[in-house]
Amino acid sequence: MSFRIRSARDSDLQALYEMAKLTGGGFTNLPPDRDALRGKLERSHQAFERTDDTLADELFVLVLENVATGEVRGTCQIFTQVGQRWPFYSYRIGTLTKHSEALNRTFRAELLNLTNDLEGCSEVGGLFLHPNERAGGLGMLLARSRYLFIRAHRARFADRVLAELRGIIDESGGSPFWDGVAGRFFGMSFQEADEFNAIHGNQFIADLMPKHPVYIAMLSDAARQVIGLPHPSGRAAMRMLEKEGFAYEQYVDIFDGGPTMLARTDQVKTIRAAQDDIIHAVGDGDADAILSTGKLADFRAAYGRIGHDGDGMTVDAAGIEALGVEPGATISHVAR
């Protein structure tokens, strides 16, 4: 069974909505709200239609499509420059050191500092794969296709890229971190705040969030224990990010305390290792690869097998079909 990544269309709204209902909460970039999702698609269309090679505040929505049936079974998003429409907030974990001469002791306290340090970064997010398709490396295809898209449109992305991982959510859909920190100031549950943020933006955070540092030692045990930890369903995503060169630099999400991963854009492994070649012929190939072609709304990515026949690069028939190309076309490729 063959799949491809392509740009999202208006006709994908229902599929996106059905997947959003499966996320289980805490997934701000894919809210189960038709109007919010429709707004994302409209914003994505505008980004795909703009042809200027300059950095702006844009969102690209991609989907995973079954080549044979046309069903949409996954999605991912790329934000070109966060913090432009409204502030991009994070907590940065810092340390305050004090020394007492009378006691002859040094005390170190960890603090949560509300920051906008990551404003202006690009962001990869909104990745969701239908539960029935979580095999065959399709999550990796979704994740790494974003880097090939960035590479193909490098001037439209910042020099740093971040990825926010969903934090720990309990069985009732609540967040221990939210309950221990921000929830005390907002008068709403984690689910209510998360849904409001997904639909209306986070200006309410600037209005209500305390600006002073929060001493971690003063939080409940439940809140402290989840700081910087990904949701169990996000552990594989965290490992994939680490393999790409992302690192956890003590930034966490202000809602659920999940880790924010950071990388220099040009040092992301897939971006750095990808190559461009012209397809010479259709062939069985001897190496598994992720392939991509096309610009903007015509961008497509898929798994394929590549090789050489003495005159140039070959691509297997399945890869050719998924990309919708023929011999003579230029494609990007990177080892799977």
Protein backbone atom coordinates (compact mmCIF):
# COMPACT_ATOMS: atom_id res chain seq x y z
CA MET A 1 0.00 0.00 0.00
CA SER A 2 1.45 3.34 -1.07
CA PHE A 3 1.05 6.74 0.57
CA ARG A 4 2.09 10.27 -0.33
CA ILE A 5 2.31 13.65 1.37
CA ARG A 6 0.59 16.52 -0.42
CA SER A 7 -0.78 19.99 0.32
CA ALA A 8 -4.12 20.09 2.13
CA ARG A 9 -7.31 21.01 0.24
CA ASP A 10 -10.73 22.26 1.29
CA SER A 11 -12.09 18.78 0.61
CA ASP A 12 -9.84 17.44 3.40
CA LEU A 13 -11.77 19.33 6.10
CA GLN A 14 -13.94 16.39 7.15
CA ALA A 15 -10.97 14.03 7.36
CA LEU A 16 -9.03 16.56 9.45
CA TYR A 17 -12.03 17.01 11.74
CA GLU A 18 -12.42 13.25 12.24
CA MET A 19 -8.74 12.92 13.11
CA ALA A 20 -8.92 15.91 15.47
CA LYS A 21 -11.61 14.13 17.46
CA LEU A 22 -9.17 11.24 18.01
CA THR A 23 -6.35 13.29 19.53
CA GLY A 24 -7.61 13.09 23.11
CA GLY A 25 -6.94 16.74 23.97
CA GLY A 26 -3.83 18.82 24.45
CA PHE A 27 -3.33 19.02 20.69
CA THR A 28 -3.62 22.76 20.09
CA ASN A 29 -2.68 22.66 16.40
CA LEU A 30 -5.45 20.21 15.54
CA PRO A 31 -8.57 21.28 17.46
CA PRO A 32 -11.84 19.34 16.98
CA ASP A 33 -13.57 22.50 15.75
CA ARG A 34 -14.66 22.84 12.12
CA ASP A 35 -14.39 26.62 12.01
CA ALA A 36 -10.88 26.59 13.48
CA LEU A 37 -9.77 23.90 11.03
CA ARG A 38 -11.39 25.76 8.14
CA GLY A 39 -9.44 28.84 9.19
CA LYS A 40 -6.21 26.83 9.16
CA LEU A 41 -6.96 25.60 5.64
CA GLU A 42 -7.68 29.12 4.43
CA ARG A 43 -4.44 30.37 5.94
CA SER A 44 -2.57 27.46 4.36
CA HIS A 45 -4.07 28.19 0.93
CA GLN A 46 -2.81 31.77 1.17
CA ALA A 47 0.69 30.53 2.02
CA PHE A 48 0.74 28.05 -0.87
CA GLU A 49 -0.46 30.75 -3.29
CA ARG A 50 2.18 33.34 -2.30
CA THR A 51 5.21 32.98 -4.54
CA ASP A 52 7.56 35.56 -2.97
CA ASP A 53 10.66 33.88 -1.53
CA THR A 54 10.65 35.88 1.69
CA LEU A 55 10.01 35.12 5.35
CA ALA A 56 6.48 35.94 6.57
CA ASP A 57 3.96 34.72 9.15
CA GLU A 58 2.52 31.69 7.38
CA LEU A 59 1.14 28.20 7.95
CA PHE A 60 1.44 25.22 5.60
CA VAL A 61 -0.86 22.23 6.17
CA LEU A 62 0.12 18.88 4.62
CA VAL A 63 -1.78 15.61 4.60
CA LEU A 64 -0.97 11.92 4.21
CA GLU A 65 -3.00 10.37 1.39
CA ASN A 66 -3.52 6.74 0.45
CA VAL A 67 -2.53 6.70 -3.24
CA ALA A 68 -4.96 3.91 -4.14
CA THR A 69 -8.08 5.15 -2.31
CA GLY A 70 -7.49 8.90 -1.92
CA GLU A 71 -8.24 8.64 1.84
CA VAL A 72 -6.50 11.14 4.11
CA ARG A 73 -4.93 9.26 7.03
CA GLY A 74 -2.60 11.76 8.63
CA THR A 75 -1.57 15.39 8.72
CA CYS A 76 1.24 17.75 9.76
CA GLN A 77 1.83 21.49 9.81
CA ILE A 78 4.70 23.94 9.38
CA PHE A 79 4.67 27.48 10.79
CA THR A 80 7.20 29.76 9.15
CA GLN A 81 7.60 32.33 11.96
CA VAL A 82 5.88 32.00 15.33
CA GLY A 83 4.99 34.89 17.61
CA GLN A 84 4.03 37.40 14.91
CA ARG A 85 0.24 37.50 15.21
CA TRP A 86 0.31 37.19 19.01
CA PRO A 87 3.13 36.51 21.49
CA PHE A 88 4.66 33.03 21.61
CA TYR A 89 5.02 32.09 25.27
CA SER A 90 7.19 29.43 26.85
CA TYR A 91 8.46 28.65 30.31
CA ARG A 92 12.25 28.52 30.52
CA ILE A 93 13.61 26.51 33.44
CA GLY A 94 16.33 28.50 35.17
CA THR A 95 18.33 28.25 38.37
CA LEU A 96 18.68 30.83 41.14
CA THR A 97 21.70 30.33 43.41
CA LYS A 98 22.03 31.97 46.84
CA HIS A 99 24.67 31.55 49.53
CA SER A 100 24.32 32.05 53.28
CA GLU A 101 27.53 32.93 55.10
CA ALA A 102 25.83 32.39 58.47
CA LEU A 103 24.81 28.84 57.55
CA ASN A 104 27.79 28.25 55.27
CA ARG A 105 25.43 26.72 52.72
CA THR A 106 24.58 27.36 49.08
CA PHE A 107 20.96 27.03 47.99
CA ARG A 108 19.85 26.44 44.42
CA ALA A 109 16.25 26.84 43.36
CA GLU A 110 14.77 25.98 39.96
CA LEU A 111 12.40 28.56 38.50
CA LEU A 112 9.88 28.71 35.68
CA ASN A 113 10.42 31.98 33.81
CA LEU A 114 7.75 33.17 31.36
CA THR A 115 9.54 34.15 28.14
CA ASN A 116 9.13 35.05 24.48
CA ASP A 117 12.65 33.78 23.70
CA LEU A 118 11.49 31.59 20.81
CA GLU A 119 9.58 34.29 18.97
CA GLY A 120 10.52 34.31 15.28
CA CYS A 121 11.45 30.62 15.06
CA SER A 122 9.84 28.33 12.53
CA GLU A 123 7.80 25.46 13.98
CA VAL A 124 7.00 21.93 12.90
CA GLY A 125 3.84 20.67 14.57
CA GLY A 126 0.32 19.38 14.19
CA LEU A 127 1.52 15.88 13.32
CA PHE A 128 -1.19 13.27 13.71
CA LEU A 129 -1.42 9.80 12.20
CA HIS A 130 -4.66 7.83 12.21
CA PRO A 131 -4.40 5.02 14.81
CA ASN A 132 -5.09 2.38 12.16
CA GLU A 133 -2.05 3.46 10.14
CA ARG A 134 0.61 3.46 12.85
CA ALA A 135 2.85 0.98 11.11
CA GLY A 136 5.16 0.95 8.13
CA GLY A 137 6.98 4.14 9.05
CA LEU A 138 4.19 6.52 8.04
CA GLY A 139 4.79 8.72 11.10
CA MET A 140 8.38 9.14 10.00
CA LEU A 141 7.25 10.01 6.46
CA LEU A 142 4.95 12.72 7.83
CA ALA A 143 7.65 14.12 10.11
CA ARG A 144 10.52 14.16 7.64
CA SER A 145 8.45 15.42 4.71
CA ARG A 146 8.24 18.73 6.60
CA TYR A 147 12.02 19.10 6.50
CA LEU A 148 12.10 18.38 2.76
CA PHE A 149 9.42 21.03 2.28
CA ILE A 150 11.50 23.52 4.32
CA ARG A 151 14.57 22.66 2.24
CA ALA A 152 12.64 23.25 -0.99
CA HIS A 153 11.53 26.70 0.26
CA ARG A 154 14.44 27.58 2.54
CA ALA A 155 14.15 31.37 2.18
CA ARG A 156 10.65 31.26 3.66
CA PHE A 157 11.80 29.77 6.97
CA ALA A 158 13.78 31.05 9.96
CA ASP A 159 17.26 30.00 11.05
CA ARG A 160 15.90 28.08 14.04
CA VAL A 161 13.06 25.58 14.12
CA LEU A 162 11.16 24.29 17.14
CA ALA A 163 8.79 21.45 17.90
CA GLU A 164 6.45 21.42 20.90
CA LEU A 165 5.64 17.98 22.26
CA ARG A 166 2.38 17.38 24.09
CA GLY A 167 2.88 16.98 27.82
CA ILE A 168 1.41 14.51 30.28
CA ILE A 169 -2.40 14.33 30.26
CA ASP A 170 -4.18 12.25 32.91
CA GLU A 171 -6.98 9.74 32.35
CA SER A 172 -9.68 12.39 32.79
CA GLY A 173 -8.11 14.65 30.15
CA GLY A 174 -6.59 17.04 32.68
CA SER A 175 -3.03 18.29 32.99
CA PRO A 176 -1.18 18.03 36.34
CA PHE A 177 1.07 20.89 35.23
CA TRP A 178 -1.84 23.17 34.34
CA ASP A 179 -3.58 22.40 37.62
CA GLY A 180 -0.42 23.18 39.58
CA VAL A 181 0.56 26.41 37.79
CA ALA A 182 -1.61 28.39 35.37
CA GLY A 183 -4.93 26.84 36.28
CA ARG A 184 -4.87 28.67 39.59
CA PHE A 185 -5.02 32.02 37.79
CA PHE A 186 -7.44 31.31 34.95
CA GLY A 187 -10.52 29.81 36.57
CA MET A 188 -10.88 27.17 33.86
CA SER A 189 -9.88 23.56 33.34
CA PHE A 190 -7.01 22.50 31.13
CA GLN A 191 -9.40 21.28 28.44
CA GLU A 192 -11.28 24.59 28.44
CA ALA A 193 -8.08 26.64 28.24
CA ASP A 194 -6.60 24.38 25.55
CA GLU A 195 -9.72 24.62 23.39
CA PHE A 196 -9.92 28.39 23.86
CA ASN A 197 -6.27 28.80 22.89
CA ALA A 198 -6.67 26.61 19.79
CA ILE A 199 -9.61 28.65 18.53
CA HIS A 200 -9.01 32.20 19.78
CA GLY A 201 -5.24 32.45 20.27
CA ASN A 202 -3.29 33.04 23.46
CA GLN A 203 -3.70 36.76 24.17
CA PHE A 204 -5.65 35.74 27.28
CA ILE A 205 -2.41 34.27 28.60
CA ALA A 206 -0.70 37.65 28.37
CA ASP A 207 -3.67 39.18 30.16
CA LEU A 208 -3.85 36.74 33.07
CA MET A 209 -0.58 34.83 33.43
CA PRO A 210 1.60 36.01 36.34
CA LYS A 211 4.81 37.55 35.05
CA HIS A 212 6.95 36.71 38.07
CA PRO A 213 9.07 33.54 38.12
CA VAL A 214 7.46 30.46 39.67
CA TYR A 215 9.52 28.43 42.15
CA ILE A 216 9.25 24.79 41.07
CA ALA A 217 9.74 23.60 44.67
CA MET A 218 6.45 25.27 45.60
CA LEU A 219 4.43 23.28 43.08
CA SER A 220 2.60 20.06 43.88
CA ASP A 221 4.42 16.78 43.43
CA ALA A 222 2.13 15.92 40.51
CA ALA A 223 3.01 19.15 38.69
CA ARG A 224 6.76 18.89 39.35
CA GLN A 225 7.00 15.31 38.15
CA VAL A 226 5.69 16.02 34.63
CA ILE A 227 7.76 19.10 33.76
CA GLY A 228 9.63 18.51 30.50
CA LEU A 229 8.15 15.05 29.92
CA PRO A 230 6.35 14.16 26.67
CA HIS A 231 3.00 12.40 26.57
CA PRO A 232 3.57 8.61 26.22
CA SER A 233 2.25 8.82 22.65
CA GLY A 234 4.92 11.44 21.88
CA ARG A 235 7.99 9.54 23.04
CA ALA A 236 8.65 8.12 19.57
CA ALA A 237 8.25 11.62 18.11
CA MET A 238 10.81 12.92 20.61
CA ARG A 239 13.29 10.23 19.56
CA MET A 240 12.75 11.12 15.88
CA LEU A 241 13.38 14.79 16.65
CA GLU A 242 16.58 13.92 18.52
CA LYS A 243 17.78 11.88 15.53
CA GLU A 244 17.21 14.95 13.36
CA GLY A 245 19.37 17.05 15.65
CA PHE A 246 16.74 18.68 17.86
CA ALA A 247 17.55 19.14 21.54
CA TYR A 248 15.62 19.96 24.70
CA GLU A 249 16.96 23.29 25.99
CA GLN A 250 14.85 23.69 29.15
CA TYR A 251 11.85 25.29 27.45
CA VAL A 252 8.43 23.83 28.27
CA ASP A 253 4.86 24.47 27.19
CA ILE A 254 2.95 26.83 29.50
CA PHE A 255 -0.21 24.69 29.34
CA ASP A 256 0.92 21.12 29.96
CA GLY A 257 4.65 21.40 30.70
CA GLY A 258 5.63 19.31 27.67
CA PRO A 259 9.16 19.78 26.25
CA THR A 260 9.99 22.16 23.42
CA MET A 261 12.72 20.84 21.12
CA LEU A 262 15.03 23.18 19.17
CA ALA A 263 17.42 22.90 16.21
CA ARG A 264 19.32 25.10 13.80
CA THR A 265 17.36 24.79 10.56
CA ASP A 266 20.34 24.13 8.30
CA GLN A 267 21.64 21.49 10.72
CA VAL A 268 18.48 19.36 10.70
CA LYS A 269 19.71 15.98 9.45
CA THR A 270 17.16 15.51 6.67
CA ILE A 271 17.71 19.05 5.35
CA ARG A 272 21.48 18.67 5.48
CA ALA A 273 21.63 15.19 3.93
CA ALA A 274 19.05 15.48 1.13
CA GLN A 275 20.26 15.59 -2.48
CA ASP A 276 18.70 16.53 -5.83
CA ASP A 277 18.85 14.29 -8.89
CA ILE A 278 17.15 13.78 -12.23
CA ILE A 279 15.27 10.51 -12.66
CA HIS A 280 16.82 8.61 -15.55
CA ALA A 281 14.55 5.58 -15.62
CA VAL A 282 12.11 3.41 -13.71
CA GLY A 283 13.93 0.64 -11.88
CA ASP A 284 13.65 -1.62 -8.84
CA GLY A 285 16.34 0.27 -6.93
CA ASP A 286 18.49 -1.01 -4.09
CA ALA A 287 18.12 1.68 -1.39
CA ASP A 288 15.07 2.85 0.58
CA ALA A 289 14.60 6.62 0.49
CA ILE A 290 12.19 9.46 1.14
CA LEU A 291 11.52 11.27 -2.11
CA SER A 292 9.98 14.68 -2.78
CA THR A 293 9.21 16.89 -5.74
CA GLY A 294 7.32 20.04 -6.63
CA LYS A 295 7.00 23.49 -5.13
CA LEU A 296 4.33 24.95 -2.84
CA ALA A 297 0.88 23.42 -3.56
CA ASP A 298 2.48 20.95 -5.99
CA PHE A 299 4.81 19.55 -3.31
CA ARG A 300 4.63 15.79 -2.83
CA ALA A 301 6.69 13.33 -0.79
CA ALA A 302 6.66 9.53 -0.55
CA TYR A 303 8.76 6.49 0.17
CA GLY A 304 10.54 4.90 -2.77
CA ARG A 305 13.53 2.82 -3.76
CA ILE A 306 16.36 4.42 -5.70
CA GLY A 307 19.35 3.05 -7.57
CA HIS A 308 21.59 3.64 -10.59
CA ASP A 309 21.61 1.92 -13.95
CA GLY A 310 24.91 3.29 -15.22
CA ASP A 311 23.37 6.32 -16.90
CA GLY A 312 21.69 7.91 -13.91
CA MET A 313 19.31 7.50 -11.00
CA THR A 314 16.40 5.07 -11.10
CA VAL A 315 13.24 5.14 -8.97
CA ASP A 316 10.87 2.24 -8.45
CA ALA A 317 7.39 2.28 -10.01
CA ALA A 318 5.61 2.80 -6.67
CA GLY A 319 7.69 5.89 -5.92
CA ILE A 320 7.11 7.25 -9.43
CA GLU A 321 3.36 6.77 -9.05
CA ALA A 322 3.17 8.31 -5.59
CA LEU A 323 5.06 11.42 -6.70
CA GLY A 324 3.21 11.68 -10.00
CA VAL A 325 6.41 12.16 -12.00
CA GLU A 326 8.15 10.60 -15.00
CA PRO A 327 11.77 10.01 -16.02
CA GLY A 328 13.38 13.38 -16.63
CA ALA A 329 11.89 14.96 -13.52
CA THR A 330 14.10 16.36 -10.77
CA ILE A 331 13.46 15.03 -7.28
CA SER A 332 15.00 15.40 -3.83
CA HIS A 333 15.92 12.26 -1.93
CA VAL A 334 17.32 11.30 1.45
CA ALA A 335 18.03 7.90 2.98
CA ARG A 336 15.10 6.42 4.89
